[in-house]
Amino acid sequence: MKTVQSTKTRARQSEANPPAAGEVTYEDVLRIVGSWSLTRRMDLARDILSMPTDQAEVEERRRDALAKLRGFLKTDEPPPSDEQVKQWLDERRTEKYG
């Protein structure tokens, strides 16, 4: 139990006296976060992943995804009629439920 307490103590000391912003390295972050509990590390990961990204980058990704989807959906055929769709649904239900 003493090891756990000293790890917690080290974590608190690291948090209480963090390096200056210009001095923080990736390794410093890993060392500090590595001393945290799994729950706390998961919370940090969740917070990082939910951080907003550059809005221009997000919009560009959306445009690219939309263009790809349009390409997948584009055909030379006319769209199916309501009657065709009903027939397909009936066929699928027959396959699924007998």
N, C-alpha and C. Protein backbone atom coordinates (compact mmCIF):
# COMPACT_ATOMS: atom_id res chain seq x y z
N MET A 1 0.82 -1.19 0.00
CA MET A 1 0.00 0.00 0.00
C MET A 1 0.86 1.25 0.00
N LYS A 2 2.04 1.15 0.58
CA LYS A 2 2.93 2.31 0.63
C LYS A 2 3.30 2.77 -0.77
N THR A 3 3.50 1.84 -1.72
CA THR A 3 3.84 2.19 -3.09
C THR A 3 2.73 3.00 -3.73
N VAL A 4 1.49 2.59 -3.51
CA VAL A 4 0.35 3.31 -4.06
C VAL A 4 0.30 4.73 -3.50
N GLN A 5 0.52 4.87 -2.20
CA GLN A 5 0.48 6.19 -1.59
C GLN A 5 1.59 7.07 -2.14
N SER A 6 2.78 6.51 -2.31
CA SER A 6 3.86 7.35 -2.81
C SER A 6 3.62 7.71 -4.27
N THR A 7 2.96 6.84 -5.04
CA THR A 7 2.61 7.19 -6.42
C THR A 7 1.61 8.33 -6.42
N LYS A 8 0.61 8.24 -5.54
CA LYS A 8 -0.37 9.32 -5.45
C LYS A 8 0.29 10.62 -5.00
N THR A 9 1.20 10.51 -4.05
CA THR A 9 1.90 11.69 -3.57
C THR A 9 2.70 12.32 -4.69
N ARG A 10 3.41 11.50 -5.47
CA ARG A 10 4.18 12.02 -6.60
C ARG A 10 3.27 12.68 -7.62
N ALA A 11 2.10 12.09 -7.87
CA ALA A 11 1.15 12.67 -8.83
C ALA A 11 0.68 14.03 -8.34
N ARG A 12 0.37 14.12 -7.05
CA ARG A 12 -0.08 15.40 -6.50
C ARG A 12 1.04 16.44 -6.60
N GLN A 13 2.27 16.03 -6.30
CA GLN A 13 3.39 16.96 -6.38
C GLN A 13 3.60 17.42 -7.82
N SER A 14 3.48 16.50 -8.78
CA SER A 14 3.64 16.87 -10.18
C SER A 14 2.57 17.85 -10.61
N GLU A 15 1.35 17.63 -10.14
CA GLU A 15 0.25 18.51 -10.49
C GLU A 15 0.40 19.86 -9.80
N ALA A 16 0.88 19.85 -8.56
CA ALA A 16 1.03 21.08 -7.80
C ALA A 16 2.15 21.95 -8.35
N ASN A 17 3.18 21.32 -8.90
CA ASN A 17 4.32 22.05 -9.43
C ASN A 17 4.59 21.66 -10.88
N PRO A 18 3.63 21.94 -11.78
CA PRO A 18 3.87 21.55 -13.17
C PRO A 18 4.97 22.40 -13.78
N PRO A 19 5.67 21.86 -14.77
CA PRO A 19 6.69 22.66 -15.45
C PRO A 19 6.03 23.84 -16.16
N ALA A 20 6.80 24.88 -16.41
CA ALA A 20 6.28 26.03 -17.16
C ALA A 20 5.82 25.56 -18.54
N ALA A 21 4.85 26.24 -19.12
CA ALA A 21 4.23 25.80 -20.37
C ALA A 21 5.25 25.52 -21.47
N GLY A 22 6.26 26.34 -21.59
CA GLY A 22 7.27 26.14 -22.62
C GLY A 22 8.16 24.94 -22.35
N GLU A 23 8.18 24.48 -21.11
CA GLU A 23 9.08 23.39 -20.73
C GLU A 23 8.41 22.02 -20.75
N VAL A 24 7.09 21.95 -20.89
CA VAL A 24 6.39 20.67 -20.83
C VAL A 24 6.67 19.89 -22.10
N THR A 25 7.12 18.67 -21.93
CA THR A 25 7.36 17.80 -23.08
C THR A 25 6.32 16.69 -23.08
N TYR A 26 6.26 16.01 -24.18
CA TYR A 26 5.36 14.87 -24.31
C TYR A 26 5.67 13.84 -23.23
N GLU A 27 6.96 13.61 -22.99
CA GLU A 27 7.38 12.65 -21.98
C GLU A 27 6.94 13.08 -20.58
N ASP A 28 6.98 14.40 -20.30
CA ASP A 28 6.50 14.91 -19.01
C ASP A 28 5.03 14.57 -18.82
N VAL A 29 4.27 14.80 -19.87
CA VAL A 29 2.84 14.52 -19.80
C VAL A 29 2.62 13.03 -19.55
N LEU A 30 3.31 12.18 -20.29
CA LEU A 30 3.16 10.74 -20.10
C LEU A 30 3.53 10.31 -18.68
N ARG A 31 4.59 10.89 -18.15
CA ARG A 31 5.02 10.54 -16.80
C ARG A 31 3.96 10.94 -15.78
N ILE A 32 3.44 12.15 -15.91
CA ILE A 32 2.43 12.64 -14.97
C ILE A 32 1.15 11.83 -15.09
N VAL A 33 0.67 11.67 -16.31
CA VAL A 33 -0.59 10.96 -16.52
C VAL A 33 -0.44 9.48 -16.19
N GLY A 34 0.74 8.94 -16.40
CA GLY A 34 0.98 7.53 -16.09
C GLY A 34 0.84 7.21 -14.61
N SER A 35 0.96 8.21 -13.77
CA SER A 35 0.83 7.98 -12.33
C SER A 35 -0.63 8.06 -11.88
N TRP A 36 -1.53 8.44 -12.77
CA TRP A 36 -2.95 8.56 -12.42
C TRP A 36 -3.63 7.20 -12.44
N SER A 37 -4.79 7.14 -11.82
CA SER A 37 -5.60 5.92 -11.85
C SER A 37 -6.15 5.72 -13.27
N LEU A 38 -6.53 4.49 -13.56
CA LEU A 38 -7.08 4.17 -14.87
C LEU A 38 -8.32 5.02 -15.15
N THR A 39 -9.16 5.18 -14.16
CA THR A 39 -10.39 5.97 -14.34
C THR A 39 -10.06 7.40 -14.72
N ARG A 40 -9.11 7.96 -14.05
CA ARG A 40 -8.73 9.35 -14.32
C ARG A 40 -8.10 9.49 -15.71
N ARG A 41 -7.28 8.50 -16.11
CA ARG A 41 -6.69 8.53 -17.45
C ARG A 41 -7.76 8.41 -18.52
N MET A 42 -8.77 7.55 -18.28
CA MET A 42 -9.87 7.40 -19.24
C MET A 42 -10.66 8.70 -19.35
N ASP A 43 -10.88 9.37 -18.22
CA ASP A 43 -11.58 10.65 -18.24
C ASP A 43 -10.80 11.67 -19.08
N LEU A 44 -9.49 11.69 -18.90
CA LEU A 44 -8.67 12.61 -19.68
C LEU A 44 -8.76 12.29 -21.17
N ALA A 45 -8.66 11.02 -21.51
CA ALA A 45 -8.75 10.62 -22.92
C ALA A 45 -10.09 11.03 -23.51
N ARG A 46 -11.16 10.82 -22.76
CA ARG A 46 -12.50 11.20 -23.23
C ARG A 46 -12.57 12.71 -23.44
N ASP A 47 -12.01 13.47 -22.51
CA ASP A 47 -12.03 14.93 -22.64
C ASP A 47 -11.22 15.39 -23.85
N ILE A 48 -10.08 14.77 -24.07
CA ILE A 48 -9.25 15.15 -25.22
C ILE A 48 -9.97 14.84 -26.52
N LEU A 49 -10.60 13.67 -26.60
CA LEU A 49 -11.29 13.29 -27.83
C LEU A 49 -12.52 14.13 -28.10
N SER A 50 -13.09 14.72 -27.07
CA SER A 50 -14.27 15.55 -27.27
C SER A 50 -13.93 17.02 -27.50
N MET A 51 -12.65 17.35 -27.46
CA MET A 51 -12.24 18.73 -27.69
C MET A 51 -12.56 19.12 -29.14
N PRO A 52 -13.02 20.35 -29.33
CA PRO A 52 -13.31 20.78 -30.70
C PRO A 52 -12.03 20.87 -31.51
N THR A 53 -12.15 20.55 -32.77
CA THR A 53 -11.00 20.68 -33.66
C THR A 53 -11.19 21.93 -34.51
N ASP A 54 -10.26 22.17 -35.34
CA ASP A 54 -10.33 23.32 -36.23
C ASP A 54 -11.59 23.19 -37.09
N GLN A 55 -12.47 24.19 -37.04
CA GLN A 55 -13.76 24.14 -37.73
C GLN A 55 -13.58 23.96 -39.24
N ALA A 56 -12.59 24.59 -39.82
CA ALA A 56 -12.36 24.46 -41.26
C ALA A 56 -12.03 23.00 -41.61
N GLU A 57 -11.25 22.35 -40.76
CA GLU A 57 -10.90 20.95 -40.99
C GLU A 57 -12.14 20.06 -40.91
N VAL A 58 -12.99 20.33 -39.94
CA VAL A 58 -14.22 19.55 -39.77
C VAL A 58 -15.11 19.70 -40.99
N GLU A 59 -15.28 20.94 -41.45
CA GLU A 59 -16.14 21.18 -42.61
C GLU A 59 -15.57 20.54 -43.87
N GLU A 60 -14.26 20.55 -44.01
CA GLU A 60 -13.63 19.92 -45.17
C GLU A 60 -13.87 18.41 -45.15
N ARG A 61 -13.74 17.79 -43.98
CA ARG A 61 -14.00 16.36 -43.86
C ARG A 61 -15.45 16.04 -44.21
N ARG A 62 -16.37 16.88 -43.76
CA ARG A 62 -17.79 16.67 -44.07
C ARG A 62 -18.04 16.76 -45.56
N ARG A 63 -17.44 17.77 -46.21
CA ARG A 63 -17.62 17.92 -47.66
C ARG A 63 -17.06 16.70 -48.40
N ASP A 64 -15.89 16.22 -47.97
CA ASP A 64 -15.30 15.05 -48.60
C ASP A 64 -16.20 13.83 -48.42
N ALA A 65 -16.72 13.65 -47.21
CA ALA A 65 -17.59 12.51 -46.94
C ALA A 65 -18.87 12.60 -47.76
N LEU A 66 -19.43 13.78 -47.87
CA LEU A 66 -20.65 13.97 -48.65
C LEU A 66 -20.39 13.68 -50.12
N ALA A 67 -19.27 14.13 -50.64
CA ALA A 67 -18.94 13.87 -52.04
C ALA A 67 -18.79 12.37 -52.29
N LYS A 68 -18.16 11.66 -51.36
CA LYS A 68 -18.02 10.21 -51.51
C LYS A 68 -19.37 9.52 -51.47
N LEU A 69 -20.24 9.95 -50.56
CA LEU A 69 -21.57 9.35 -50.48
C LEU A 69 -22.36 9.59 -51.75
N ARG A 70 -22.28 10.79 -52.29
CA ARG A 70 -22.98 11.07 -53.55
C ARG A 70 -22.46 10.16 -54.66
N GLY A 71 -21.17 9.92 -54.66
CA GLY A 71 -20.59 9.02 -55.66
C GLY A 71 -21.11 7.60 -55.51
N PHE A 72 -21.26 7.14 -54.28
CA PHE A 72 -21.78 5.79 -54.04
C PHE A 72 -23.24 5.67 -54.50
N LEU A 73 -23.99 6.72 -54.31
CA LEU A 73 -25.42 6.67 -54.60
C LEU A 73 -25.75 6.97 -56.06
N LYS A 74 -24.83 7.53 -56.78
CA LYS A 74 -25.09 7.93 -58.16
C LYS A 74 -25.18 6.71 -59.07
N THR A 75 -26.26 6.65 -59.84
CA THR A 75 -26.42 5.59 -60.84
C THR A 75 -27.03 6.21 -62.08
N ASP A 76 -27.03 5.43 -63.16
CA ASP A 76 -27.67 5.86 -64.39
C ASP A 76 -29.13 5.43 -64.43
N GLU A 77 -29.55 4.69 -63.42
CA GLU A 77 -30.91 4.18 -63.34
C GLU A 77 -31.84 5.21 -62.70
N PRO A 78 -33.10 5.17 -63.07
CA PRO A 78 -34.06 6.04 -62.37
C PRO A 78 -34.29 5.50 -60.96
N PRO A 79 -34.75 6.33 -60.04
CA PRO A 79 -35.00 5.85 -58.68
C PRO A 79 -36.12 4.81 -58.68
N PRO A 80 -36.10 3.90 -57.72
CA PRO A 80 -37.16 2.88 -57.68
C PRO A 80 -38.51 3.51 -57.36
N SER A 81 -39.54 2.88 -57.88
CA SER A 81 -40.89 3.37 -57.58
C SER A 81 -41.30 2.91 -56.20
N ASP A 82 -42.35 3.51 -55.68
CA ASP A 82 -42.87 3.09 -54.38
C ASP A 82 -43.26 1.62 -54.41
N GLU A 83 -43.83 1.19 -55.52
CA GLU A 83 -44.26 -0.21 -55.67
C GLU A 83 -43.05 -1.16 -55.62
N GLN A 84 -41.95 -0.78 -56.27
CA GLN A 84 -40.73 -1.60 -56.23
C GLN A 84 -40.20 -1.71 -54.81
N VAL A 85 -40.17 -0.60 -54.11
CA VAL A 85 -39.66 -0.59 -52.74
C VAL A 85 -40.53 -1.48 -51.86
N LYS A 86 -41.84 -1.38 -52.00
CA LYS A 86 -42.75 -2.25 -51.23
C LYS A 86 -42.48 -3.72 -51.53
N GLN A 87 -42.25 -4.03 -52.80
CA GLN A 87 -41.96 -5.42 -53.19
C GLN A 87 -40.66 -5.90 -52.54
N TRP A 88 -39.63 -5.06 -52.56
CA TRP A 88 -38.36 -5.43 -51.95
C TRP A 88 -38.52 -5.67 -50.46
N LEU A 89 -39.28 -4.80 -49.80
CA LEU A 89 -39.51 -4.97 -48.37
C LEU A 89 -40.26 -6.27 -48.08
N ASP A 90 -41.29 -6.56 -48.89
CA ASP A 90 -42.03 -7.82 -48.72
C ASP A 90 -41.12 -9.02 -48.92
N GLU A 91 -40.25 -8.96 -49.93
CA GLU A 91 -39.32 -10.07 -50.19
C GLU A 91 -38.36 -10.25 -49.00
N ARG A 92 -37.89 -9.15 -48.49
CA ARG A 92 -36.95 -9.22 -47.35
C ARG A 92 -37.64 -9.80 -46.12
N ARG A 93 -38.88 -9.38 -45.86
CA ARG A 93 -39.61 -9.92 -44.72
C ARG A 93 -39.86 -11.41 -44.89
N THR A 94 -40.17 -11.82 -46.12
CA THR A 94 -40.39 -13.24 -46.39
C THR A 94 -39.13 -14.04 -46.12
N GLU A 95 -37.97 -13.51 -46.56
CA GLU A 95 -36.69 -14.19 -46.30
C GLU A 95 -36.42 -14.28 -44.79
N LYS A 96 -36.69 -13.18 -44.10
CA LYS A 96 -36.35 -13.10 -42.69
C LYS A 96 -37.30 -13.91 -41.81
N TYR A 97 -38.58 -13.81 -42.07
CA TYR A 97 -39.57 -14.43 -41.18
C TYR A 97 -40.25 -15.66 -41.76
N GLY A 98 -40.02 -15.93 -43.03
CA GLY A 98 -40.59 -17.15 -43.64
C GLY A 98 -41.92 -17.04 -44.19
